[in-house]
Amino acid sequence: MTDTRPETTAPDYTALFAQALQESPTQDAPVLRPVPAQVSPAGLPQGIVRVPDTAVPAALPVGHEVLAELRSQASMKIGEAAGADASMTEQDRRQRGQSIIRQVVSEWATKYAASGSDLTPQQERAVREAVFDELFRAGRLQPLLDDPNVENIIIYGDKVRVDYADRPTRTWDPIAKTDRDLINLINHLARMQGQGERALTPATPNLNLRLADGSRLAASAYVTPRPSIVIRRHRTRGQGLNDLVRWGTIDASLAHFLTAAVKGRKNIIVVGSQGVGKTSLLRAMAREIPSTERVGTLESEYELHLHEDPEGPEVVAYEGRESNGERGADGKLQGELTLSDLFPQLLRMSLRRVIVGEVRSKEVVPMLHAMNEGEGGSMATLHARSPQLAIERLATLCLEAGIGMTEALAYRLIAQAVDFVVYVRLVDETELVDHGGKPGRKHRFVSHVMEITGIGEGGRPSHQMVFAPREQDGRREPRAVPHGNISQSCLEDLVRAGMDRTVLQRPWGSWGAPLETVMPL
């Protein structure tokens, strides 16, 4: 099986249509439909059009029924080998499995050639890889997980949509023959990850887990008409702020400021919509924490992977646990450990900072208390549509925590706990091409850094923009540039942490070339 599915020229639809009239449709030959554009062509300026979807999924030399039979044969022999050697480790089992798969596929290829259909060495290797993927990896999902440009994989039964970083969204062929096979594949992935008792069953119809490559999988079945799965890819894991400068997410001035904010122990909330790169920015900032510090991370599924960084700080990493589907006498799900359940234990670990991967529920209250009562320097991500709405989102979560908190107390807690809100924006132009025919791309960049300065009018937290877009003298910069607004006490803390105060006096920051977008921002 190839790692990626190459671009090809557009097929002759007239010939294909004539051929289709003479053939009976089969379940294994789905019709691939282009995904509708997110922008209406009627709303585009003249000369700007959608990028056509010309990708055609590549096919194996044989059908998946043959792969299923080869998988069955190899699985039986691998099981016999494991039974004969009780000391076989998982790594040994994989190595032995590769040898058995090679033997099984070679014997099958010989018989296949005898029928008059020879396989090329590349095709035989593709079959071996596909069988190995079925047994030890993610099956038909594996080519997508191996593609470094895939950002999201969205599955609804036999309908599969793939979001790319460098091209428009594409449809894909089905991942499994039936819904039952799809559920079995997801449970196979859950077993391979070793994350407790997580499984997709009628008793536990929702499943969330991390895959071996760090991707986050969310699945639902039995409560939806068909199994629904979303896999969020983390294409980068070891990047720092300098890498984000190179990619255009931030400029050197903002990188310098954020480094000082982390070292100066400021509490920071990274906000934005889904898929904009909040976790990537948070991970990059966390790498600026001195290696001598002890840090606690709290996540539903490990995505930061700070505990795997040999050059980073000492990390105590906590991960939530899903239930086994049963409820106790008190009505609570048995075996479930939420982030709010884990927070009290985390705070007993003699930590200097706490990092919450994503604030979604009542863990917001202990997080804000930890920010307010500790030494500072804690961080988290939050879904919000603007930096200002991040305050309202935090307040809403506090009120929904069910501990009797009032709105005034929630605002007061936020104002005392949070120092900066960093807003990340995504502009997706992969559906467009410019007047010269150059395709658009996705732009991810920080557009605002907002300082919380205390209690303001109406008891709400007051704030000011330290970095924000600027428009002046016919020039517009949609990315974050300094605005010169910062409280004196905070400025002094950042200067002591190593910040050059002249960074905040550069009206256009350190951005070099202007942001190249198809549509002006």
Protein backbone atom coordinates (compact mmCIF):
# COMPACT_ATOMS: atom_id res chain seq x y z
CA MET A 1 0.00 0.00 0.00
CA THR A 2 1.40 3.35 -0.95
CA ASP A 3 1.84 6.01 1.66
CA THR A 4 0.03 8.73 -0.26
CA ARG A 5 -2.43 8.84 -3.07
CA PRO A 6 -0.91 10.83 -5.94
CA GLU A 7 -2.55 13.52 -7.97
CA THR A 8 -3.70 12.39 -11.41
CA THR A 9 -5.17 14.10 -14.44
CA ALA A 10 -8.94 14.43 -14.62
CA PRO A 11 -10.59 11.26 -16.00
CA ASP A 12 -12.65 11.10 -19.18
CA TYR A 13 -16.11 11.30 -17.62
CA THR A 14 -17.92 10.59 -20.90
CA ALA A 15 -16.12 7.27 -21.29
CA LEU A 16 -16.57 6.41 -17.62
CA PHE A 17 -20.29 7.14 -17.80
CA ALA A 18 -20.72 4.91 -20.85
CA GLN A 19 -18.80 2.16 -19.10
CA ALA A 20 -20.88 2.54 -15.94
CA LEU A 21 -24.11 1.98 -17.91
CA GLN A 22 -22.85 -1.46 -18.93
CA GLU A 23 -21.79 -2.49 -15.43
CA SER A 24 -23.88 -3.28 -12.39
CA PRO A 25 -22.93 -1.20 -9.34
CA THR A 26 -21.28 -2.98 -6.42
CA GLN A 27 -20.94 -2.07 -2.77
CA ASP A 28 -17.17 -2.08 -3.03
CA ALA A 29 -17.13 0.56 -5.78
CA PRO A 30 -18.47 3.74 -4.15
CA VAL A 31 -19.14 6.84 -6.13
CA LEU A 32 -16.71 9.58 -5.21
CA ARG A 33 -18.34 12.98 -4.99
CA PRO A 34 -16.45 16.29 -4.78
CA VAL A 35 -16.93 18.16 -1.52
CA PRO A 36 -18.86 21.44 -1.98
CA ALA A 37 -16.73 24.54 -1.66
CA GLN A 38 -16.97 26.57 1.52
CA VAL A 39 -17.25 29.76 -0.56
CA SER A 40 -19.95 30.27 -3.17
CA PRO A 41 -18.50 30.86 -6.67
CA ALA A 42 -21.06 33.59 -7.15
CA GLY A 43 -19.53 35.48 -4.26
CA LEU A 44 -15.99 35.46 -5.65
CA PRO A 45 -14.38 38.31 -7.57
CA GLN A 46 -13.86 37.72 -11.26
CA GLY A 47 -10.78 35.61 -11.94
CA ILE A 48 -10.92 33.75 -8.61
CA VAL A 49 -12.26 30.20 -8.83
CA ARG A 50 -12.30 27.06 -6.73
CA VAL A 51 -9.41 24.64 -7.03
CA PRO A 52 -10.80 21.58 -8.85
CA ASP A 53 -10.75 18.24 -7.02
CA THR A 54 -8.79 15.98 -9.35
CA ALA A 55 -7.42 13.48 -6.85
CA VAL A 56 -8.47 9.88 -7.52
CA PRO A 57 -7.80 7.35 -4.76
CA ALA A 58 -5.25 4.75 -5.79
CA ALA A 59 -6.38 1.10 -5.77
CA LEU A 60 -4.67 -2.08 -4.65
CA PRO A 61 -4.14 -4.73 -7.35
CA VAL A 62 -6.76 -6.93 -5.62
CA GLY A 63 -9.99 -6.38 -3.73
CA HIS A 64 -10.30 -6.20 0.03
CA GLU A 65 -11.90 -9.67 0.10
CA VAL A 66 -8.51 -11.08 -0.90
CA LEU A 67 -6.81 -8.99 1.79
CA ALA A 68 -9.29 -10.32 4.36
CA GLU A 69 -8.43 -13.92 3.40
CA LEU A 70 -4.68 -13.22 3.53
CA ARG A 71 -5.11 -11.49 6.87
CA SER A 72 -6.99 -14.50 8.23
CA GLN A 73 -4.27 -16.92 7.10
CA ALA A 74 -1.47 -14.77 8.51
CA SER A 75 -3.34 -14.14 11.77
CA MET A 76 -3.79 -17.86 12.35
CA LYS A 77 -0.09 -18.57 11.82
CA ILE A 78 0.96 -15.61 13.98
CA GLY A 79 -1.31 -16.87 16.76
CA GLU A 80 0.23 -20.35 16.52
CA ALA A 81 3.73 -18.86 16.71
CA ALA A 82 2.80 -16.75 19.75
CA GLY A 83 1.23 -19.75 21.46
CA ALA A 84 4.39 -21.80 20.95
CA ASP A 85 6.57 -19.10 22.52
CA ALA A 86 5.09 -17.62 25.70
CA SER A 87 8.02 -15.19 26.05
CA MET A 88 7.25 -13.43 22.75
CA THR A 89 6.97 -9.67 23.22
CA GLU A 90 4.80 -7.40 21.10
CA GLN A 91 7.88 -6.33 19.15
CA ASP A 92 8.78 -9.98 18.58
CA ARG A 93 5.23 -10.63 17.46
CA ARG A 94 5.41 -7.86 14.90
CA GLN A 95 8.73 -9.06 13.54
CA ARG A 96 7.47 -12.62 13.36
CA GLY A 97 4.29 -11.28 11.77
CA GLN A 98 6.26 -9.54 9.00
CA SER A 99 8.01 -12.81 8.17
CA ILE A 100 4.74 -14.76 8.13
CA ILE A 101 2.96 -12.13 6.03
CA ARG A 102 5.79 -12.18 3.50
CA GLN A 103 5.50 -15.98 3.26
CA VAL A 104 1.69 -15.98 2.99
CA VAL A 105 1.60 -13.23 0.35
CA SER A 106 4.43 -14.84 -1.64
CA GLU A 107 2.56 -18.16 -1.79
CA TRP A 108 -0.64 -16.40 -2.80
CA ALA A 109 1.17 -14.32 -5.46
CA THR A 110 2.56 -17.50 -7.02
CA LYS A 111 -0.94 -18.96 -7.34
CA TYR A 112 -2.25 -15.61 -8.58
CA ALA A 113 0.42 -15.55 -11.32
CA ALA A 114 -0.56 -19.06 -12.37
CA SER A 115 -4.02 -17.70 -13.24
CA GLY A 116 -2.39 -15.45 -15.84
CA SER A 117 -2.21 -12.22 -13.78
CA ASP A 118 1.33 -11.39 -12.77
CA LEU A 119 2.03 -8.85 -10.02
CA THR A 120 4.87 -6.39 -10.18
CA PRO A 121 7.25 -6.29 -7.18
CA GLN A 122 5.69 -2.97 -6.20
CA GLN A 123 2.18 -4.44 -6.26
CA GLU A 124 3.22 -7.45 -4.19
CA ARG A 125 4.87 -5.15 -1.67
CA ALA A 126 1.68 -3.06 -1.53
CA VAL A 127 -0.33 -6.18 -0.71
CA ARG A 128 2.13 -7.14 2.05
CA GLU A 129 1.93 -3.66 3.54
CA ALA A 130 -1.87 -3.70 3.39
CA VAL A 131 -2.04 -7.04 5.22
CA PHE A 132 0.43 -5.81 7.84
CA ASP A 133 -1.64 -2.63 8.29
CA GLU A 134 -4.77 -4.76 8.77
CA LEU A 135 -3.11 -6.81 11.51
CA PHE A 136 -0.83 -4.41 13.32
CA ARG A 137 -1.72 -0.86 12.34
CA ALA A 138 -4.82 1.09 11.28
CA GLY A 139 -5.89 -0.90 8.23
CA ARG A 140 -7.23 1.22 5.40
CA LEU A 141 -6.76 4.31 7.58
CA GLN A 142 -3.00 3.88 7.63
CA PRO A 143 -2.17 5.62 4.31
CA LEU A 144 -4.01 8.71 5.57
CA LEU A 145 -2.25 8.59 8.95
CA ASP A 146 1.09 8.29 7.13
CA ASP A 147 0.41 11.31 4.91
CA PRO A 148 2.11 14.32 6.57
CA ASN A 149 -0.27 16.76 4.84
CA VAL A 150 -3.49 15.25 6.24
CA GLU A 151 -5.01 17.39 9.01
CA ASN A 152 -8.41 15.82 9.66
CA ILE A 153 -10.11 12.55 8.70
CA ILE A 154 -13.91 12.69 8.95
CA ILE A 155 -15.85 9.43 8.59
CA TYR A 156 -19.60 8.84 8.57
CA GLY A 157 -20.28 5.21 7.70
CA ASP A 158 -18.90 4.69 4.19
CA LYS A 159 -18.52 8.44 3.56
CA VAL A 160 -14.98 9.67 4.16
CA ARG A 161 -13.71 13.24 3.89
CA VAL A 162 -10.08 14.29 4.26
CA ASP A 163 -8.87 17.81 5.11
CA TYR A 164 -5.37 18.65 3.88
CA ALA A 165 -2.94 21.36 4.87
CA ASP A 166 -1.92 22.08 1.30
CA ARG A 167 -4.98 21.43 -0.87
CA PRO A 168 -8.80 21.43 -0.77
CA THR A 169 -10.83 18.87 1.12
CA ARG A 170 -11.20 15.56 -0.76
CA THR A 171 -13.53 12.59 -0.57
CA TRP A 172 -11.98 9.16 -0.04
CA ASP A 173 -13.00 5.57 -0.55
CA PRO A 174 -14.67 3.73 2.38
CA ILE A 175 -12.46 2.71 5.27
CA ALA A 176 -14.48 -0.46 5.96
CA LYS A 177 -16.94 -2.60 4.02
CA THR A 178 -19.75 -2.34 6.58
CA ASP A 179 -20.56 -0.25 9.65
CA ARG A 180 -19.81 -3.28 11.82
CA ASP A 181 -16.36 -3.60 10.25
CA LEU A 182 -15.77 0.11 10.87
CA ILE A 183 -16.64 -0.27 14.57
CA ASN A 184 -14.37 -3.32 14.78
CA LEU A 185 -11.52 -1.29 13.26
CA ILE A 186 -11.99 1.51 15.81
CA ASN A 187 -12.02 -1.00 18.69
CA HIS A 188 -8.91 -2.64 17.21
CA LEU A 189 -7.19 0.76 17.35
CA ALA A 190 -8.37 1.25 20.95
CA ARG A 191 -6.92 -2.11 22.01
CA MET A 192 -3.58 -1.32 20.35
CA GLN A 193 -3.26 2.01 22.20
CA GLY A 194 -3.56 0.37 25.62
CA GLN A 195 -5.67 3.20 27.07
CA GLY A 196 -7.60 1.31 29.73
CA GLU A 197 -11.03 -0.06 28.91
CA ARG A 198 -11.87 2.32 26.08
CA ALA A 199 -14.10 0.70 23.48
CA LEU A 200 -17.04 1.61 21.23
CA THR A 201 -19.96 -0.51 22.46
CA PRO A 202 -23.72 -0.07 23.11
CA ALA A 203 -22.82 0.56 26.78
CA THR A 204 -20.15 3.14 25.85
CA PRO A 205 -21.37 4.68 22.57
CA ASN A 206 -18.81 7.51 22.66
CA LEU A 207 -15.08 6.89 22.44
CA ASN A 208 -12.15 9.30 22.67
CA LEU A 209 -8.52 8.20 22.44
CA ARG A 210 -5.11 9.14 21.12
CA LEU A 211 -3.40 7.14 18.41
CA ALA A 212 0.24 6.09 18.36
CA ASP A 213 1.23 9.08 16.19
CA GLY A 214 -0.38 11.53 18.62
CA SER A 215 -3.59 12.00 16.61
CA ARG A 216 -6.83 12.41 18.56
CA LEU A 217 -9.77 10.16 17.64
CA ALA A 218 -13.38 10.84 18.60
CA ALA A 219 -16.03 8.27 17.66
CA SER A 220 -19.73 7.75 18.24
CA ALA A 221 -21.98 4.80 17.35
CA TYR A 222 -25.29 3.31 18.49
CA VAL A 223 -26.52 6.84 19.27
CA THR A 224 -26.02 8.02 15.67
CA PRO A 225 -27.60 6.60 12.49
CA ARG A 226 -24.16 5.41 11.36
CA PRO A 227 -20.73 5.34 13.04
CA SER A 228 -19.25 8.84 13.09
CA ILE A 229 -15.49 9.29 13.55
CA VAL A 230 -13.22 12.33 13.49
CA ILE A 231 -9.43 12.02 13.65
CA ARG A 232 -7.52 15.22 14.38
CA ARG A 233 -3.91 14.98 13.27
CA HIS A 234 -1.01 16.62 15.09
CA ARG A 235 1.46 16.97 12.25
CA THR A 236 4.09 18.59 14.42
CA ARG A 237 5.15 17.66 17.95
CA GLY A 238 8.69 18.88 18.58
CA GLN A 239 8.43 22.46 17.38
CA GLY A 240 9.42 25.55 19.34
CA LEU A 241 8.60 29.23 18.95
CA ASN A 242 11.37 29.67 16.38
CA ASP A 243 9.69 27.02 14.22
CA LEU A 244 6.41 28.92 14.45
CA VAL A 245 8.25 32.05 13.31
CA ARG A 246 9.54 30.15 10.29
CA TRP A 247 6.04 28.90 9.47
CA GLY A 248 4.50 32.37 9.76
CA THR A 249 2.35 31.73 12.84
CA ILE A 250 4.13 34.45 14.81
CA ASP A 251 6.96 36.89 14.07
CA ALA A 252 10.26 37.28 15.91
CA SER A 253 8.93 40.16 18.01
CA LEU A 254 5.98 38.15 19.29
CA ALA A 255 8.18 35.09 19.85
CA HIS A 256 10.46 37.24 22.02
CA PHE A 257 7.46 38.57 23.95
CA LEU A 258 5.92 35.11 24.53
CA THR A 259 9.26 33.72 25.68
CA ALA A 260 9.49 36.47 28.29
CA ALA A 261 5.86 35.92 29.30
CA VAL A 262 6.53 32.22 29.95
CA LYS A 263 9.81 32.82 31.79
CA GLY A 264 8.19 35.72 33.69
CA ARG A 265 5.56 33.26 34.99
CA LYS A 266 2.52 34.90 33.40
CA ASN A 267 -0.70 32.89 33.24
CA ILE A 268 -1.70 32.50 29.59
CA ILE A 269 -4.85 31.22 27.85
CA VAL A 270 -4.47 30.31 24.16
CA VAL A 271 -7.82 30.63 22.37
CA GLY A 272 -9.24 30.12 18.90
CA SER A 273 -11.61 27.88 16.98
CA GLN A 274 -11.09 24.19 16.26
CA GLY A 275 -8.04 23.18 14.26
CA VAL A 276 -6.30 26.58 14.29
CA GLY A 277 -3.17 25.37 16.09
CA LYS A 278 -3.85 26.22 19.74
CA THR A 279 -2.20 23.05 21.03
CA SER A 280 0.82 23.56 18.77
CA LEU A 281 1.33 27.09 20.09
CA LEU A 282 0.84 25.98 23.70
CA ARG A 283 3.35 23.16 23.21
CA ALA A 284 5.89 25.54 21.68
CA MET A 285 5.51 28.02 24.56
CA ALA A 286 5.82 25.23 27.13
CA ARG A 287 9.21 24.34 25.67
CA GLU A 288 10.42 27.72 26.96
CA ILE A 289 9.85 26.60 30.57
CA PRO A 290 13.23 26.10 32.29
CA SER A 291 14.25 22.45 32.50
CA THR A 292 14.77 22.81 36.26
CA GLU A 293 11.06 23.31 36.91
CA ARG A 294 8.46 20.66 37.77
CA VAL A 295 5.30 20.97 35.67
CA GLY A 296 1.98 19.13 35.73
CA THR A 297 -0.08 18.56 32.58
CA LEU A 298 -3.74 17.58 32.53
CA GLU A 299 -5.35 16.30 29.31
CA SER A 300 -8.26 14.15 28.18
CA GLU A 301 -5.86 12.49 25.73
CA TYR A 302 -2.14 13.22 25.61
CA GLU A 303 -1.55 15.80 22.89
CA LEU A 304 1.14 18.04 24.34
CA HIS A 305 3.60 15.16 24.87
CA LEU A 306 5.76 17.36 27.09
CA HIS A 307 6.57 14.33 29.24
CA GLU A 308 8.30 12.79 26.21
CA ASP A 309 10.64 15.75 25.63
CA PRO A 310 14.09 14.82 27.04
CA GLU A 311 15.21 18.47 26.95
CA GLY A 312 12.08 19.89 28.58
CA PRO A 313 11.12 20.42 32.23
CA GLU A 314 10.27 17.63 34.63
CA VAL A 315 6.66 16.78 33.78
CA VAL A 316 3.98 14.93 35.73
CA ALA A 317 1.46 14.05 32.99
CA TYR A 318 -2.13 13.13 33.88
CA GLU A 319 -4.62 11.72 31.36
CA GLY A 320 -8.36 11.33 31.86
CA ARG A 321 -9.98 7.91 31.74
CA GLU A 322 -13.31 6.93 30.23
CA SER A 323 -15.78 4.68 32.03
CA ASN A 324 -16.59 1.04 31.33
CA GLY A 325 -20.22 1.94 30.68
CA GLU A 326 -21.57 0.84 34.06
CA ARG A 327 -23.03 3.12 36.72
CA GLY A 328 -22.70 2.78 40.47
CA ALA A 329 -25.36 3.21 43.13
CA ASP A 330 -24.69 6.95 43.13
CA GLY A 331 -25.42 7.12 39.40
CA LYS A 332 -21.83 7.98 38.45
CA LEU A 333 -20.06 6.17 35.63
CA GLN A 334 -17.77 3.48 36.96
CA GLY A 335 -14.08 3.85 36.20
CA GLU A 336 -14.38 7.34 34.74
CA LEU A 337 -11.81 9.93 35.76
CA THR A 338 -12.50 13.44 34.51
CA LEU A 339 -10.01 16.30 34.51
CA SER A 340 -11.78 17.83 37.51
CA ASP A 341 -11.42 14.47 39.31
CA LEU A 342 -7.68 14.44 38.63
CA PHE A 343 -7.00 18.09 39.45
CA PRO A 344 -6.84 17.73 43.27
CA GLN A 345 -4.26 14.95 43.01
CA LEU A 346 -2.27 16.90 40.43
CA LEU A 347 -2.01 19.86 42.79
CA ARG A 348 -0.45 17.59 45.45
CA MET A 349 2.51 16.78 43.19
CA SER A 350 4.73 19.69 44.31
CA LEU A 351 4.38 21.54 41.00
CA ARG A 352 5.45 25.03 40.00
CA ARG A 353 3.13 25.25 37.00
CA VAL A 354 -0.03 23.55 35.72
CA ILE A 355 -0.86 23.17 32.02
CA VAL A 356 -4.35 22.10 30.96
CA GLY A 357 -4.51 20.82 27.38
CA GLU A 358 -8.04 22.09 26.81
CA VAL A 359 -10.56 23.60 29.22
CA ARG A 360 -14.04 22.27 28.43
CA SER A 361 -15.94 21.83 31.69
CA LYS A 362 -15.86 22.33 35.45
CA GLU A 363 -12.08 21.82 35.61
CA VAL A 364 -12.03 25.55 34.82
CA VAL A 365 -12.55 26.43 38.49
CA PRO A 366 -9.56 24.54 39.98
CA MET A 367 -7.48 25.71 37.00
CA LEU A 368 -8.25 29.38 37.75
CA HIS A 369 -7.61 28.81 41.45
CA ALA A 370 -4.25 27.17 40.62
CA MET A 371 -3.34 30.18 38.45
CA ASN A 372 -4.38 32.58 41.18
CA GLU A 373 -2.84 30.83 44.18
CA GLY A 374 0.39 29.43 42.73
CA GLU A 375 3.58 31.08 41.57
CA GLY A 376 2.10 31.81 38.14
CA GLY A 377 3.18 30.57 34.75
CA SER A 378 0.29 28.18 34.17
CA MET A 379 -1.29 27.81 30.72
CA ALA A 380 -4.31 26.30 28.97
CA THR A 381 -6.24 26.34 25.69
CA LEU A 382 -9.88 27.28 25.23
CA HIS A 383 -12.35 27.41 22.35
CA ALA A 384 -13.49 30.97 21.72
CA ARG A 385 -14.26 33.09 18.63
CA SER A 386 -12.37 36.16 19.79
CA PRO A 387 -10.04 37.17 22.62
CA GLN A 388 -12.82 39.17 24.28
CA LEU A 389 -15.24 36.25 24.12
CA ALA A 390 -12.67 34.09 25.91
CA ILE A 391 -13.54 35.97 29.09
CA GLU A 392 -17.25 35.25 28.64
CA ARG A 393 -16.51 31.61 27.83
CA LEU A 394 -14.48 31.18 31.04
CA ALA A 395 -17.24 32.84 33.06
CA THR A 396 -19.88 30.58 31.52
CA LEU A 397 -17.88 27.46 32.35
CA CYS A 398 -17.50 28.68 35.93
CA LEU A 399 -21.26 29.16 36.27
CA GLU A 400 -21.90 25.72 34.76
CA ALA A 401 -19.53 24.02 37.21
CA GLY A 402 -22.42 23.52 39.62
CA ILE A 403 -20.71 24.87 42.76
CA GLY A 404 -22.97 27.88 43.23
CA MET A 405 -20.56 30.44 41.82
CA THR A 406 -22.04 33.83 40.96
CA GLU A 407 -21.27 35.81 37.83
CA ALA A 408 -19.50 38.51 39.86
CA LEU A 409 -17.29 35.95 41.58
CA ALA A 410 -16.48 34.26 38.25
CA TYR A 411 -15.39 37.55 36.70
CA ARG A 412 -13.34 38.39 39.79
CA LEU A 413 -11.59 35.01 39.70
CA ILE A 414 -10.77 35.42 35.99
CA ALA A 415 -9.42 38.94 36.46
CA GLN A 416 -7.14 37.78 39.29
CA ALA A 417 -5.93 34.59 37.57
CA VAL A 418 -5.35 35.33 33.87
CA ASP A 419 -2.60 37.63 32.63
CA PHE A 420 -2.74 37.19 28.84
CA VAL A 421 -5.13 35.80 26.23
CA VAL A 422 -3.43 34.79 22.95
CA TYR A 423 -5.80 34.46 19.99
CA VAL A 424 -4.92 32.23 17.00
CA ARG A 425 -6.72 32.77 13.70
CA LEU A 426 -7.16 30.42 10.72
CA VAL A 427 -7.81 31.65 7.16
CA ASP A 428 -8.51 28.74 4.80
CA GLU A 429 -8.10 29.59 1.11
CA THR A 430 -7.38 26.11 -0.23
CA GLU A 431 -10.58 26.25 -2.28
CA LEU A 432 -9.36 29.33 -4.18
CA VAL A 433 -6.79 30.30 -6.79
CA ASP A 434 -5.56 33.81 -7.48
CA HIS A 435 -5.64 35.70 -10.79
CA GLY A 436 -2.38 34.08 -11.85
CA GLY A 437 -3.70 30.56 -11.24
CA LYS A 438 -1.73 30.02 -8.02
CA PRO A 439 -3.74 27.98 -5.49
CA GLY A 440 -4.46 29.43 -2.07
CA ARG A 441 -3.46 27.79 1.19
CA LYS A 442 -4.25 27.76 4.87
CA HIS A 443 -2.87 30.62 6.97
CA ARG A 444 -2.55 30.17 10.73
CA PHE A 445 -1.32 33.13 12.71
CA VAL A 446 -1.68 34.89 16.04
CA SER A 447 -3.75 38.02 15.53
CA HIS A 448 -4.17 39.31 19.11
CA VAL A 449 -2.48 39.23 22.48
CA MET A 450 -4.78 40.71 25.12
CA GLU A 451 -3.72 41.63 28.66
CA ILE A 452 -6.21 41.28 31.52
CA THR A 453 -5.58 44.32 33.71
CA GLY A 454 -8.00 43.81 36.63
CA ILE A 455 -11.64 44.54 37.45
CA GLY A 456 -13.26 47.09 35.18
CA GLU A 457 -16.67 48.57 34.49
CA GLY A 458 -19.64 46.48 35.61
CA GLY A 459 -17.40 44.16 37.57
CA ARG A 460 -16.06 42.55 34.40
CA PRO A 461 -12.35 42.05 33.76
CA SER A 462 -10.74 45.05 32.06
CA HIS A 463 -8.37 44.40 29.18
CA GLN A 464 -6.16 46.02 26.56
CA MET A 465 -4.52 44.81 23.36
CA VAL A 466 -0.75 44.42 23.59
CA PHE A 467 -0.55 42.94 20.07
CA ALA A 468 -3.27 43.27 17.42
CA PRO A 469 -3.76 43.95 13.68
CA ARG A 470 -2.91 47.46 12.46
CA GLU A 471 -4.17 49.61 9.60
CA GLN A 472 -2.39 52.89 8.97
CA ASP A 473 -1.44 55.09 5.98
CA GLY A 474 -2.97 52.68 3.48
CA ARG A 475 -1.16 49.69 4.91
CA ARG A 476 -2.90 46.85 6.74
CA GLU A 477 -1.33 44.05 8.73
CA PRO A 478 -3.89 41.40 9.85
CA ARG A 479 -1.33 39.60 11.99
CA ALA A 480 -0.38 40.58 15.54
CA VAL A 481 1.88 43.65 15.80
CA PRO A 482 2.71 45.72 18.92
CA HIS A 483 0.28 48.43 19.99
CA GLY A 484 2.32 49.73 22.92
CA ASN A 485 -0.37 48.97 25.51
CA ILE A 486 0.81 47.11 28.62
CA SER A 487 0.56 47.73 32.36
CA GLN A 488 3.69 49.03 34.01
CA SER A 489 3.93 46.22 36.56
CA CYS A 490 3.61 43.57 33.87
CA LEU A 491 6.19 45.31 31.68
CA GLU A 492 8.66 45.33 34.55
CA ASP A 493 8.13 41.60 35.13
CA LEU A 494 8.77 40.83 31.45
CA VAL A 495 11.89 43.01 31.33
CA ARG A 496 13.25 41.16 34.38
CA ALA A 497 12.56 37.91 32.50
CA GLY A 498 14.77 39.09 29.62
CA MET A 499 12.47 41.02 27.28
CA ASP A 500 13.83 43.97 25.34
CA ARG A 501 11.21 46.69 25.87
CA THR A 502 11.91 48.14 22.42
CA VAL A 503 10.11 45.11 20.96
CA LEU A 504 6.84 46.77 21.96
CA GLN A 505 7.81 49.96 20.10
CA ARG A 506 7.87 48.41 16.62
CA PRO A 507 4.53 49.42 15.02
CA TRP A 508 4.76 46.73 12.33
CA GLY A 509 6.54 44.11 14.39
CA SER A 510 9.13 41.93 12.67
CA TRP A 511 6.98 40.63 9.83
CA GLY A 512 8.92 40.58 6.59
CA ALA A 513 6.85 40.02 3.48
CA PRO A 514 3.13 40.80 3.67
CA LEU A 515 0.67 37.95 4.15
CA GLU A 516 -0.05 36.51 0.70
CA THR A 517 -3.76 35.80 0.57
CA VAL A 518 -6.09 35.36 -2.38
CA MET A 519 -8.74 37.53 -0.72
CA PRO A 520 -7.60 40.64 1.19
CA LEU A 521 -7.99 40.43 4.97
